[in-house]
Every structure is written in C-alpha cells, then in structure tokens.
Amino acid sequence: MTEEIRSGQTTAEATSAVPSEQQGITGGARDRAERTRPEINRYLYENLVSNVESQIEHWTRKAARQPDPDTARTLRTKAEGLAYALRLLSAFEPEFRELTDAAIRFGPNGRA
C-alpha cells in the first residue's frame, strides 16, 4: 500500500492514512532491522581500544606533517586527550568486561 504525499502535507496527515498496526514503518529495511534481535559484540572492548589507538596514531602522524604550528598543537592535544581516555578505559577494563558479559549472558530481554 503506497500512497503519495501531497506537497505541503504535514507528517501527521501523511501518517494518519496508514492503518495503526503499520504506522511508523516506512520501509522494508527498517522493518527488518526492528525485528532482528540485538546482539552484544563480545569483542567490543578490543574493538574500542583498537579504534582509539588508531585515532591517536592518525592524529599524531597528521600533527607531525602539519606545517601550521597551531593546528599541529591542536592535533597533539587531541591525541593526548584520547591517550588519557585510553588509560582510563584500561583501568576500568574488568568492569567493562563484567558489564558486557552480563549483557551477553542475560540477552536483550533480561533473562538468562
């Protein structure tokens, strides 16, 4: 059931013609996404650390090539800030893993 939306038609007017059980569903991809069971990535911590390390390296290399000293300083400061966040993440690794393990164990419905 595809209906054309008139120019100047409000969202409320456009969706009011859709039967209530289908209201808010706008396309097949979104419909399938809403029906899939969310999964917790068991490698979330490793992926996060890897991505943060990569960003630190990227900003550090970019700062070294930067001819403008102010921009280079900004990039180095950003890299230092991320390095600090990485140290904090490392300090809380056991708690992070405990939370993700619990989320995996209990699943999206809160049941084991």
PDB file of N, CA and C in Angstrom:
ATOM      1  N   MET A   1       0.847  -1.165   0.000  1.00  0.00           N
ATOM      2  CA  MET A   1       0.000   0.000   0.000  1.00  0.00           C
ATOM      3  C   MET A   1       0.895   1.231   0.000  1.00  0.00           C
ATOM      4  N   THR A   2       1.085   1.826  -1.139  1.00  0.00           N
ATOM      5  CA  THR A   2       1.886   3.032  -1.281  1.00  0.00           C
ATOM      6  C   THR A   2       0.970   4.186  -1.615  1.00  0.00           C
ATOM      7  N   GLU A   3       1.101   5.261  -0.825  1.00  0.00           N
ATOM      8  CA  GLU A   3       0.286   6.437  -1.077  1.00  0.00           C
ATOM      9  C   GLU A   3       1.197   7.618  -1.316  1.00  0.00           C
ATOM     10  N   GLU A   4       0.781   8.491  -2.174  1.00  0.00           N
ATOM     11  CA  GLU A   4       1.567   9.671  -2.491  1.00  0.00           C
ATOM     12  C   GLU A   4       1.326  10.746  -1.441  1.00  0.00           C
ATOM     13  N   ILE A   5       2.400  11.433  -1.063  1.00  0.00           N
ATOM     14  CA  ILE A   5       2.288  12.540  -0.119  1.00  0.00           C
ATOM     15  C   ILE A   5       2.209  13.823  -0.932  1.00  0.00           C
ATOM     16  N   ARG A   6       1.155  14.597  -0.678  1.00  0.00           N
ATOM     17  CA  ARG A   6       0.973  15.855  -1.385  1.00  0.00           C
ATOM     18  C   ARG A   6       1.981  16.885  -0.914  1.00  0.00           C
ATOM     19  N   SER A   7       2.317  17.802  -1.797  1.00  0.00           N
ATOM     20  CA  SER A   7       3.195  18.904  -1.438  1.00  0.00           C
ATOM     21  C   SER A   7       2.493  19.744  -0.371  1.00  0.00           C
ATOM     22  N   GLY A   8       3.193  20.040   0.701  1.00  0.00           N
ATOM     23  CA  GLY A   8       2.609  20.833   1.780  1.00  0.00           C
ATOM     24  C   GLY A   8       1.849  19.996   2.800  1.00  0.00           C
ATOM     25  N   GLN A   9       1.774  18.695   2.594  1.00  0.00           N
ATOM     26  CA  GLN A   9       1.069  17.817   3.526  1.00  0.00           C
ATOM     27  C   GLN A   9       1.941  17.611   4.767  1.00  0.00           C
ATOM     28  N   THR A  10       1.338  17.685   5.932  1.00  0.00           N
ATOM     29  CA  THR A  10       2.099  17.503   7.164  1.00  0.00           C
ATOM     30  C   THR A  10       2.357  16.024   7.402  1.00  0.00           C
ATOM     31  N   THR A  11       3.321  15.747   8.270  1.00  0.00           N
ATOM     32  CA  THR A  11       3.638  14.364   8.614  1.00  0.00           C
ATOM     33  C   THR A  11       2.432  13.681   9.246  1.00  0.00           C
ATOM     34  N   ALA A  12       1.732  14.397  10.120  1.00  0.00           N
ATOM     35  CA  ALA A  12       0.553  13.825  10.772  1.00  0.00           C
ATOM     36  C   ALA A  12      -0.503  13.441   9.748  1.00  0.00           C
ATOM     37  N   GLU A  13      -0.714  14.301   8.763  1.00  0.00           N
ATOM     38  CA  GLU A  13      -1.693  13.993   7.725  1.00  0.00           C
ATOM     39  C   GLU A  13      -1.249  12.801   6.895  1.00  0.00           C
ATOM     40  N   ALA A  14       0.030  12.726   6.597  1.00  0.00           N
ATOM     41  CA  ALA A  14       0.550  11.639   5.756  1.00  0.00           C
ATOM     42  C   ALA A  14       0.459  10.304   6.468  1.00  0.00           C
ATOM     43  N   THR A  15       0.719  10.272   7.779  1.00  0.00           N
ATOM     44  CA  THR A  15       0.706   9.000   8.501  1.00  0.00           C
ATOM     45  C   THR A  15      -0.677   8.614   8.991  1.00  0.00           C
ATOM     46  N   SER A  16      -1.607   9.563   9.021  1.00  0.00           N
ATOM     47  CA  SER A  16      -2.940   9.236   9.522  1.00  0.00           C
ATOM     48  C   SER A  16      -3.683   8.283   8.592  1.00  0.00           C
ATOM     49  N   ALA A  17      -3.278   8.229   7.328  1.00  0.00           N
ATOM     50  CA  ALA A  17      -3.943   7.344   6.375  1.00  0.00           C
ATOM     51  C   ALA A  17      -3.451   5.906   6.488  1.00  0.00           C
ATOM     52  N   VAL A  18      -2.351   5.691   7.213  1.00  0.00           N
ATOM     53  CA  VAL A  18      -1.782   4.353   7.358  1.00  0.00           C
ATOM     54  C   VAL A  18      -2.494   3.634   8.494  1.00  0.00           C
ATOM     55  N   PRO A  19      -2.904   2.365   8.296  1.00  0.00           N
ATOM     56  CA  PRO A  19      -3.534   1.620   9.391  1.00  0.00           C
ATOM     57  C   PRO A  19      -2.621   1.584  10.614  1.00  0.00           C
ATOM     58  N   SER A  20      -3.209   1.580  11.807  1.00  0.00           N
ATOM     59  CA  SER A  20      -2.446   1.733  13.045  1.00  0.00           C
ATOM     60  C   SER A  20      -1.381   0.669  13.243  1.00  0.00           C
ATOM     61  N   GLU A  21      -1.597  -0.569  12.813  1.00  0.00           N
ATOM     62  CA  GLU A  21      -0.579  -1.595  13.017  1.00  0.00           C
ATOM     63  C   GLU A  21       0.642  -1.385  12.130  1.00  0.00           C
ATOM     64  N   GLN A  22       0.532  -0.529  11.118  1.00  0.00           N
ATOM     65  CA  GLN A  22       1.657  -0.270  10.237  1.00  0.00           C
ATOM     66  C   GLN A  22       2.206   1.137  10.411  1.00  0.00           C
ATOM     67  N   GLN A  23       1.605   1.922  11.241  1.00  0.00           N
ATOM     68  CA  GLN A  23       2.029   3.310  11.393  1.00  0.00           C
ATOM     69  C   GLN A  23       3.456   3.367  11.922  1.00  0.00           C
ATOM     70  N   GLY A  24       4.272   4.209  11.309  1.00  0.00           N
ATOM     71  CA  GLY A  24       5.643   4.380  11.741  1.00  0.00           C
ATOM     72  C   GLY A  24       6.623   3.500  10.998  1.00  0.00           C
ATOM     73  N   ILE A  25       6.156   2.506  10.273  1.00  0.00           N
ATOM     74  CA  ILE A  25       7.057   1.662   9.496  1.00  0.00           C
ATOM     75  C   ILE A  25       7.138   2.264   8.116  1.00  0.00           C
ATOM     76  N   THR A  26       8.350   2.676   7.748  1.00  0.00           N
ATOM     77  CA  THR A  26       8.479   3.420   6.496  1.00  0.00           C
ATOM     78  C   THR A  26       9.142   2.637   5.381  1.00  0.00           C
ATOM     79  N   GLY A  27       9.732   1.508   5.687  1.00  0.00           N
ATOM     80  CA  GLY A  27      10.388   0.774   4.617  1.00  0.00           C
ATOM     81  C   GLY A  27      10.795  -0.611   5.037  1.00  0.00           C
ATOM     82  N   GLY A  28      11.104  -1.442   4.077  1.00  0.00           N
ATOM     83  CA  GLY A  28      11.450  -2.822   4.335  1.00  0.00           C
ATOM     84  C   GLY A  28      12.695  -2.986   5.181  1.00  0.00           C
ATOM     85  N   ALA A  29      13.748  -2.211   4.899  1.00  0.00           N
ATOM     86  CA  ALA A  29      14.999  -2.353   5.642  1.00  0.00           C
ATOM     87  C   ALA A  29      14.784  -2.012   7.109  1.00  0.00           C
ATOM     88  N   ARG A  30      14.066  -0.949   7.374  1.00  0.00           N
ATOM     89  CA  ARG A  30      13.814  -0.569   8.757  1.00  0.00           C
ATOM     90  C   ARG A  30      12.949  -1.607   9.444  1.00  0.00           C
ATOM     91  N   ASP A  31      11.969  -2.127   8.740  1.00  0.00           N
ATOM     92  CA  ASP A  31      11.093  -3.146   9.298  1.00  0.00           C
ATOM     93  C   ASP A  31      11.905  -4.373   9.719  1.00  0.00           C
ATOM     94  N   ARG A  32      12.819  -4.818   8.855  1.00  0.00           N
ATOM     95  CA  ARG A  32      13.646  -5.980   9.187  1.00  0.00           C
ATOM     96  C   ARG A  32      14.574  -5.660  10.349  1.00  0.00           C
ATOM     97  N   ALA A  33      15.106  -4.456  10.402  1.00  0.00           N
ATOM     98  CA  ALA A  33      16.024  -4.071  11.470  1.00  0.00           C
ATOM     99  C   ALA A  33      15.315  -4.075  12.818  1.00  0.00           C
ATOM    100  N   GLU A  34      14.064  -3.679  12.843  1.00  0.00           N
ATOM    101  CA  GLU A  34      13.326  -3.642  14.100  1.00  0.00           C
ATOM    102  C   GLU A  34      12.990  -5.045  14.601  1.00  0.00           C
ATOM    103  N   ARG A  35      12.962  -6.023  13.699  1.00  0.00           N
ATOM    104  CA  ARG A  35      12.617  -7.379  14.104  1.00  0.00           C
ATOM    105  C   ARG A  35      13.835  -8.211  14.482  1.00  0.00           C
ATOM    106  N   THR A  36      15.050  -7.763  14.156  1.00  0.00           N
ATOM    107  CA  THR A  36      16.225  -8.542  14.488  1.00  0.00           C
ATOM    108  C   THR A  36      16.548  -8.386  15.960  1.00  0.00           C
ATOM    109  N   ARG A  37      17.090  -9.436  16.535  1.00  0.00           N
ATOM    110  CA  ARG A  37      17.444  -9.448  17.942  1.00  0.00           C
ATOM    111  C   ARG A  37      18.789  -8.734  18.118  1.00  0.00           C
ATOM    112  N   PRO A  38      18.865  -7.722  18.977  1.00  0.00           N
ATOM    113  CA  PRO A  38      20.139  -7.031  19.166  1.00  0.00           C
ATOM    114  C   PRO A  38      21.171  -7.982  19.769  1.00  0.00           C
ATOM    115  N   GLU A  39      22.382  -7.888  19.292  1.00  0.00           N
ATOM    116  CA  GLU A  39      23.472  -8.727  19.772  1.00  0.00           C
ATOM    117  C   GLU A  39      24.541  -7.840  20.397  1.00  0.00           C
ATOM    118  N   ILE A  40      25.142  -8.318  21.466  1.00  0.00           N
ATOM    119  CA  ILE A  40      26.264  -7.619  22.082  1.00  0.00           C
ATOM    120  C   ILE A  40      27.538  -8.198  21.472  1.00  0.00           C
ATOM    121  N   ASN A  41      28.387  -7.333  20.979  1.00  0.00           N
ATOM    122  CA  ASN A  41      29.656  -7.764  20.397  1.00  0.00           C
ATOM    123  C   ASN A  41      30.594  -8.177  21.524  1.00  0.00           C
ATOM    124  N   ARG A  42      30.982  -9.450  21.575  1.00  0.00           N
ATOM    125  CA  ARG A  42      31.844  -9.900  22.665  1.00  0.00           C
ATOM    126  C   ARG A  42      33.259  -9.345  22.536  1.00  0.00           C
ATOM    127  N   TYR A  43      33.579  -8.764  21.395  1.00  0.00           N
ATOM    128  CA  TYR A  43      34.897  -8.150  21.203  1.00  0.00           C
ATOM    129  C   TYR A  43      34.802  -6.623  21.254  1.00  0.00           C
ATOM    130  N   LEU A  44      33.782  -6.114  21.918  1.00  0.00           N
ATOM    131  CA  LEU A  44      33.541  -4.677  21.993  1.00  0.00           C
ATOM    132  C   LEU A  44      34.738  -3.935  22.592  1.00  0.00           C
ATOM    133  N   TYR A  45      35.289  -4.459  23.680  1.00  0.00           N
ATOM    134  CA  TYR A  45      36.415  -3.796  24.344  1.00  0.00           C
ATOM    135  C   TYR A  45      37.617  -3.724  23.402  1.00  0.00           C
ATOM    136  N   GLU A  46      37.962  -4.857  22.779  1.00  0.00           N
ATOM    137  CA  GLU A  46      39.112  -4.894  21.871  1.00  0.00           C
ATOM    138  C   GLU A  46      38.911  -3.951  20.687  1.00  0.00           C
ATOM    139  N   ASN A  47      37.696  -3.922  20.145  1.00  0.00           N
ATOM    140  CA  ASN A  47      37.401  -3.029  19.024  1.00  0.00           C
ATOM    141  C   ASN A  47      37.522  -1.570  19.442  1.00  0.00           C
ATOM    142  N   LEU A  48      37.019  -1.249  20.609  1.00  0.00           N
ATOM    143  CA  LEU A  48      37.085   0.123  21.110  1.00  0.00           C
ATOM    144  C   LEU A  48      38.539   0.551  21.302  1.00  0.00           C
ATOM    145  N   VAL A  49      39.330  -0.293  21.954  1.00  0.00           N
ATOM    146  CA  VAL A  49      40.742   0.024  22.182  1.00  0.00           C
ATOM    147  C   VAL A  49      41.473   0.191  20.849  1.00  0.00           C
ATOM    148  N   SER A  50      41.227  -0.720  19.928  1.00  0.00           N
ATOM    149  CA  SER A  50      41.884  -0.657  18.616  1.00  0.00           C
ATOM    150  C   SER A  50      41.532   0.629  17.872  1.00  0.00           C
ATOM    151  N   ASN A  51      40.262   0.998  17.889  1.00  0.00           N
ATOM    152  CA  ASN A  51      39.834   2.222  17.203  1.00  0.00           C
ATOM    153  C   ASN A  51      40.423   3.472  17.845  1.00  0.00           C
ATOM    154  N   VAL A  52      40.468   3.514  19.164  1.00  0.00           N
ATOM    155  CA  VAL A  52      41.038   4.667  19.861  1.00  0.00           C
ATOM    156  C   VAL A  52      42.535   4.757  19.575  1.00  0.00           C
ATOM    157  N   GLU A  53      43.248   3.619  19.616  1.00  0.00           N
ATOM    158  CA  GLU A  53      44.680   3.622  19.310  1.00  0.00           C
ATOM    159  C   GLU A  53      44.941   4.104  17.881  1.00  0.00           C
ATOM    160  N   SER A  54      44.110   3.650  16.953  1.00  0.00           N
ATOM    161  CA  SER A  54      44.263   4.075  15.552  1.00  0.00           C
ATOM    162  C   SER A  54      44.072   5.579  15.399  1.00  0.00           C
ATOM    163  N   GLN A  55      43.079   6.119  16.110  1.00  0.00           N
ATOM    164  CA  GLN A  55      42.830   7.563  16.025  1.00  0.00           C
ATOM    165  C   GLN A  55      43.989   8.344  16.626  1.00  0.00           C
ATOM    166  N   ILE A  56      44.544   7.862  17.733  1.00  0.00           N
ATOM    167  CA  ILE A  56      45.702   8.526  18.350  1.00  0.00           C
ATOM    168  C   ILE A  56      46.865   8.554  17.366  1.00  0.00           C
ATOM    169  N   GLU A  57      47.139   7.407  16.735  1.00  0.00           N
ATOM    170  CA  GLU A  57      48.232   7.333  15.755  1.00  0.00           C
ATOM    171  C   GLU A  57      47.987   8.272  14.574  1.00  0.00           C
ATOM    172  N   HIS A  58      46.741   8.303  14.102  1.00  0.00           N
ATOM    173  CA  HIS A  58      46.393   9.159  12.973  1.00  0.00           C
ATOM    174  C   HIS A  58      46.654  10.624  13.299  1.00  0.00           C
ATOM    175  N   TRP A  59      46.172  11.088  14.454  1.00  0.00           N
ATOM    176  CA  TRP A  59      46.359  12.491  14.833  1.00  0.00           C
ATOM    177  C   TRP A  59      47.828  12.806  15.075  1.00  0.00           C
ATOM    178  N   THR A  60      48.578  11.863  15.639  1.00  0.00           N
ATOM    179  CA  THR A  60      49.998  12.081  15.891  1.00  0.00           C
ATOM    180  C   THR A  60      50.763  12.223  14.579  1.00  0.00           C
ATOM    181  N   ARG A  61      50.494  11.328  13.617  1.00  0.00           N
ATOM    182  CA  ARG A  61      51.142  11.418  12.302  1.00  0.00           C
ATOM    183  C   ARG A  61      50.756  12.704  11.577  1.00  0.00           C
ATOM    184  N   LYS A  62      49.470  13.051  11.661  1.00  0.00           N
ATOM    185  CA  LYS A  62      48.985  14.264  10.998  1.00  0.00           C
ATOM    186  C   LYS A  62      49.637  15.504  11.612  1.00  0.00           C
ATOM    187  N   ALA A  63      49.814  15.510  12.926  1.00  0.00           N
ATOM    188  CA  ALA A  63      50.457  16.649  13.596  1.00  0.00           C
ATOM    189  C   ALA A  63      51.912  16.777  13.161  1.00  0.00           C
ATOM    190  N   ALA A  64      52.584  15.647  12.970  1.00  0.00           N
ATOM    191  CA  ALA A  64      53.992  15.684  12.559  1.00  0.00           C
ATOM    192  C   ALA A  64      54.151  16.265  11.155  1.00  0.00           C
ATOM    193  N   ARG A  65      53.165  16.071  10.295  1.00  0.00           N
ATOM    194  CA  ARG A  65      53.226  16.579   8.913  1.00  0.00           C
ATOM    195  C   ARG A  65      52.635  17.978   8.772  1.00  0.00           C
ATOM    196  N   GLN A  66      52.018  18.474   9.802  1.00  0.00           N
ATOM    197  CA  GLN A  66      51.295  19.745   9.728  1.00  0.00           C
ATOM    198  C   GLN A  66      52.254  20.936   9.739  1.00  0.00           C
ATOM    199  N   PRO A  67      52.194  21.782   8.705  1.00  0.00           N
ATOM    200  CA  PRO A  67      53.085  22.948   8.680  1.00  0.00           C
ATOM    201  C   PRO A  67      52.652  24.058   9.643  1.00  0.00           C
ATOM    202  N   ASP A  68      51.369  24.126   9.955  1.00  0.00           N
ATOM    203  CA  ASP A  68      50.862  25.171  10.853  1.00  0.00           C
ATOM    204  C   ASP A  68      51.043  24.721  12.302  1.00  0.00           C
ATOM    205  N   PRO A  69      51.842  25.446  13.092  1.00  0.00           N
ATOM    206  CA  PRO A  69      52.116  25.025  14.471  1.00  0.00           C
ATOM    207  C   PRO A  69      50.869  24.977  15.361  1.00  0.00           C
ATOM    208  N   ASP A  70      49.929  25.875  15.136  1.00  0.00           N
ATOM    209  CA  ASP A  70      48.704  25.863  15.955  1.00  0.00           C
ATOM    210  C   ASP A  70      47.869  24.615  15.678  1.00  0.00           C
ATOM    211  N   THR A  71      47.732  24.264  14.421  1.00  0.00           N
ATOM    212  CA  THR A  71      46.978  23.065  14.057  1.00  0.00           C
ATOM    213  C   THR A  71      47.688  21.809  14.575  1.00  0.00           C
ATOM    214  N   ALA A  72      49.021  21.793  14.454  1.00  0.00           N
ATOM    215  CA  ALA A  72      49.796  20.649  14.956  1.00  0.00           C
ATOM    216  C   ALA A  72      49.617  20.498  16.467  1.00  0.00           C
ATOM    217  N   ARG A  73      49.641  21.611  17.186  1.00  0.00           N
ATOM    218  CA  ARG A  73      49.450  21.573  18.639  1.00  0.00           C
ATOM    219  C   ARG A  73      48.049  21.066  18.981  1.00  0.00           C
ATOM    220  N   THR A  74      47.060  21.512  18.235  1.00  0.00           N
ATOM    221  CA  THR A  74      45.683  21.055  18.460  1.00  0.00           C
ATOM    222  C   THR A  74      45.576  19.540  18.260  1.00  0.00           C
ATOM    223  N   LEU A  75      46.178  19.048  17.191  1.00  0.00           N
ATOM    224  CA  LEU A  75      46.137  17.608  16.919  1.00  0.00           C
ATOM    225  C   LEU A  75      46.854  16.807  18.009  1.00  0.00           C
ATOM    226  N   ARG A  76      48.015  17.307  18.458  1.00  0.00           N
ATOM    227  CA  ARG A  76      48.740  16.615  19.534  1.00  0.00           C
ATOM    228  C   ARG A  76      47.933  16.625  20.829  1.00  0.00           C
ATOM    229  N   THR A  77      47.243  17.730  21.099  1.00  0.00           N
ATOM    230  CA  THR A  77      46.407  17.823  22.301  1.00  0.00           C
ATOM    231  C   THR A  77      45.250  16.833  22.231  1.00  0.00           C
ATOM    232  N   LYS A  78      44.649  16.720  21.060  1.00  0.00           N
ATOM    233  CA  LYS A  78      43.564  15.746  20.886  1.00  0.00           C
ATOM    234  C   LYS A  78      44.085  14.323  21.091  1.00  0.00           C
ATOM    235  N   ALA A  79      45.258  14.035  20.543  1.00  0.00           N
ATOM    236  CA  ALA A  79      45.849  12.702  20.707  1.00  0.00           C
ATOM    237  C   ALA A  79      46.164  12.422  22.171  1.00  0.00           C
ATOM    238  N   GLU A  80      46.677  13.417  22.877  1.00  0.00           N
ATOM    239  CA  GLU A  80      46.966  13.256  24.303  1.00  0.00           C
ATOM    240  C   GLU A  80      45.693  13.009  25.105  1.00  0.00           C
ATOM    241  N   GLY A  81      44.625  13.724  24.737  1.00  0.00           N
ATOM    242  CA  GLY A  81      43.344  13.521  25.420  1.00  0.00           C
ATOM    243  C   GLY A  81      42.814  12.116  25.209  1.00  0.00           C
ATOM    244  N   LEU A  82      42.913  11.618  23.988  1.00  0.00           N
ATOM    245  CA  LEU A  82      42.471  10.245  23.717  1.00  0.00           C
ATOM    246  C   LEU A  82      43.360   9.230  24.426  1.00  0.00           C
ATOM    247  N   ALA A  83      44.651   9.516  24.529  1.00  0.00           N
ATOM    248  CA  ALA A  83      45.564   8.613  25.244  1.00  0.00           C
ATOM    249  C   ALA A  83      45.162   8.530  26.719  1.00  0.00           C
ATOM    250  N   TYR A  84      44.762   9.664  27.284  1.00  0.00           N
ATOM    251  CA  TYR A  84      44.280   9.670  28.669  1.00  0.00           C
ATOM    252  C   TYR A  84      43.001   8.849  28.790  1.00  0.00           C
ATOM    253  N   ALA A  85      42.089   9.022  27.838  1.00  0.00           N
ATOM    254  CA  ALA A  85      40.839   8.236  27.852  1.00  0.00           C
ATOM    255  C   ALA A  85      41.147   6.751  27.724  1.00  0.00           C
ATOM    256  N   LEU A  86      42.153   6.402  26.938  1.00  0.00           N
ATOM    257  CA  LEU A  86      42.552   5.004  26.780  1.00  0.00           C
ATOM    258  C   LEU A  86      43.090   4.437  28.096  1.00  0.00           C
ATOM    259  N   ARG A  87      43.857   5.245  28.825  1.00  0.00           N
ATOM    260  CA  ARG A  87      44.350   4.798  30.143  1.00  0.00           C
ATOM    261  C   ARG A  87      43.181   4.587  31.110  1.00  0.00           C
ATOM    262  N   LEU A  88      42.193   5.463  31.063  1.00  0.00           N
ATOM    263  CA  LEU A  88      41.009   5.288  31.916  1.00  0.00           C
ATOM    264  C   LEU A  88      40.236   4.022  31.536  1.00  0.00           C
ATOM    265  N   LEU A  89      40.076   3.823  30.247  1.00  0.00           N
ATOM    266  CA  LEU A  89      39.386   2.628  29.771  1.00  0.00           C
ATOM    267  C   LEU A  89      40.117   1.379  30.245  1.00  0.00           C
ATOM    268  N   SER A  90      41.425   1.403  30.174  1.00  0.00           N
ATOM    269  CA  SER A  90      42.231   0.269  30.620  1.00  0.00           C
ATOM    270  C   SER A  90      42.049   0.028  32.123  1.00  0.00           C
ATOM    271  N   ALA A  91      41.975   1.106  32.893  1.00  0.00           N
ATOM    272  CA  ALA A  91      41.788   0.974  34.345  1.00  0.00           C
ATOM    273  C   ALA A  91      40.450   0.331  34.684  1.00  0.00           C
ATOM    274  N   PHE A  92      39.448   0.556  33.843  1.00  0.00           N
ATOM    275  CA  PHE A  92      38.119   0.008  34.102  1.00  0.00           C
ATOM    276  C   PHE A  92      37.807  -1.214  33.233  1.00  0.00           C
ATOM    277  N   GLU A  93      38.830  -1.829  32.664  1.00  0.00           N
ATOM    278  CA  GLU A  93      38.607  -2.994  31.801  1.00  0.00           C
ATOM    279  C   GLU A  93      37.826  -4.111  32.507  1.00  0.00           C
ATOM    280  N   PRO A  94      38.171  -4.485  33.755  1.00  0.00           N
ATOM    281  CA  PRO A  94      37.412  -5.570  34.397  1.00  0.00           C
ATOM    282  C   PRO A  94      35.915  -5.261  34.506  1.00  0.00           C
ATOM    283  N   GLU A  95      35.586  -4.024  34.866  1.00  0.00           N
ATOM    284  CA  GLU A  95      34.184  -3.639  34.990  1.00  0.00           C
ATOM    285  C   GLU A  95      33.500  -3.622  33.624  1.00  0.00           C
ATOM    286  N   PHE A  96      34.208  -3.137  32.615  1.00  0.00           N
ATOM    287  CA  PHE A  96      33.674  -3.104  31.254  1.00  0.00           C
ATOM    288  C   PHE A  96      33.345  -4.517  30.794  1.00  0.00           C
ATOM    289  N   ARG A  97      34.291  -5.447  31.002  1.00  0.00           N
ATOM    290  CA  ARG A  97      34.072  -6.840  30.593  1.00  0.00           C
ATOM    291  C   ARG A  97      32.942  -7.486  31.389  1.00  0.00           C
ATOM    292  N   GLU A  98      32.857  -7.150  32.666  1.00  0.00           N
ATOM    293  CA  GLU A  98      31.783  -7.687  33.500  1.00  0.00           C
ATOM    294  C   GLU A  98      30.410  -7.251  32.969  1.00  0.00           C
ATOM    295  N   LEU A  99      30.300  -5.985  32.601  1.00  0.00           N
ATOM    296  CA  LEU A  99      29.033  -5.477  32.065  1.00  0.00           C
ATOM    297  C   LEU A  99      28.683  -6.119  30.725  1.00  0.00           C
ATOM    298  N   THR A 100      29.663  -6.219  29.821  1.00  0.00           N
ATOM    299  CA  THR A 100      29.363  -6.821  28.520  1.00  0.00           C
ATOM    300  C   THR A 100      29.070  -8.308  28.658  1.00  0.00           C
ATOM    301  N   ASP A 101      29.783  -9.006  29.559  1.00  0.00           N
ATOM    302  CA  ASP A 101      29.491 -10.429  29.786  1.00  0.00           C
ATOM    303  C   ASP A 101      28.083 -10.618  30.329  1.00  0.00           C
ATOM    304  N   ALA A 102      27.677  -9.744  31.252  1.00  0.00           N
ATOM    305  CA  ALA A 102      26.316  -9.827  31.798  1.00  0.00           C
ATOM    306  C   ALA A 102      25.284  -9.556  30.714  1.00  0.00           C
ATOM    307  N   ALA A 103      25.552  -8.587  29.849  1.00  0.00           N
ATOM    308  CA  ALA A 103      24.621  -8.273  28.757  1.00  0.00           C
ATOM    309  C   ALA A 103      24.505  -9.452  27.799  1.00  0.00           C
ATOM    310  N   ILE A 104      25.617 -10.115  27.522  1.00  0.00           N
ATOM    311  CA  ILE A 104      25.590 -11.288  26.639  1.00  0.00           C
ATOM    312  C   ILE A 104      24.842 -12.426  27.321  1.00  0.00           C
ATOM    313  N   ARG A 105      25.124 -12.649  28.594  1.00  0.00           N
ATOM    314  CA  ARG A 105      24.517 -13.756  29.345  1.00  0.00           C
ATOM    315  C   ARG A 105      23.007 -13.585  29.483  1.00  0.00           C
ATOM    316  N   PHE A 106      22.569 -12.372  29.783  1.00  0.00           N
ATOM    317  CA  PHE A 106      21.149 -12.162  30.046  1.00  0.00           C
ATOM    318  C   PHE A 106      20.356 -11.793  28.793  1.00  0.00           C
ATOM    319  N   GLY A 107      21.027 -11.423  27.739  1.00  0.00           N
ATOM    320  CA  GLY A 107      20.347 -11.147  26.489  1.00  0.00           C
ATOM    321  C   GLY A 107      19.519  -9.875  26.539  1.00  0.00           C
ATOM    322  N   PRO A 108      18.840  -9.581  25.430  1.00  0.00           N
ATOM    323  CA  PRO A 108      18.089  -8.340  25.323  1.00  0.00           C
ATOM    324  C   PRO A 108      16.818  -8.306  26.178  1.00  0.00           C
ATOM    325  N   ASN A 109      16.325  -9.455  26.593  1.00  0.00           N
ATOM    326  CA  ASN A 109      15.078  -9.492  27.368  1.00  0.00           C
ATOM    327  C   ASN A 109      15.323  -9.547  28.870  1.00  0.00           C
ATOM    328  N   GLY A 110      16.607  -9.502  29.291  1.00  0.00           N
ATOM    329  CA  GLY A 110      16.905  -9.532  30.709  1.00  0.00           C
ATOM    330  C   GLY A 110      16.810 -10.898  31.326  1.00  0.00           C
ATOM    331  N   ARG A 111      16.774 -11.936  30.506  1.00  0.00           N
ATOM    332  CA  ARG A 111      16.687 -13.306  31.018  1.00  0.00           C
ATOM    333  C   ARG A 111      17.932 -14.080  30.629  1.00  0.00           C
ATOM    334  N   ALA A 112      18.321 -15.016  31.482  1.00  0.00           N
ATOM    335  CA  ALA A 112      19.479 -15.871  31.172  1.00  0.00           C
ATOM    336  C   ALA A 112      19.067 -16.995  30.254  1.00  0.00           C
TER     337      ALA A 112
END
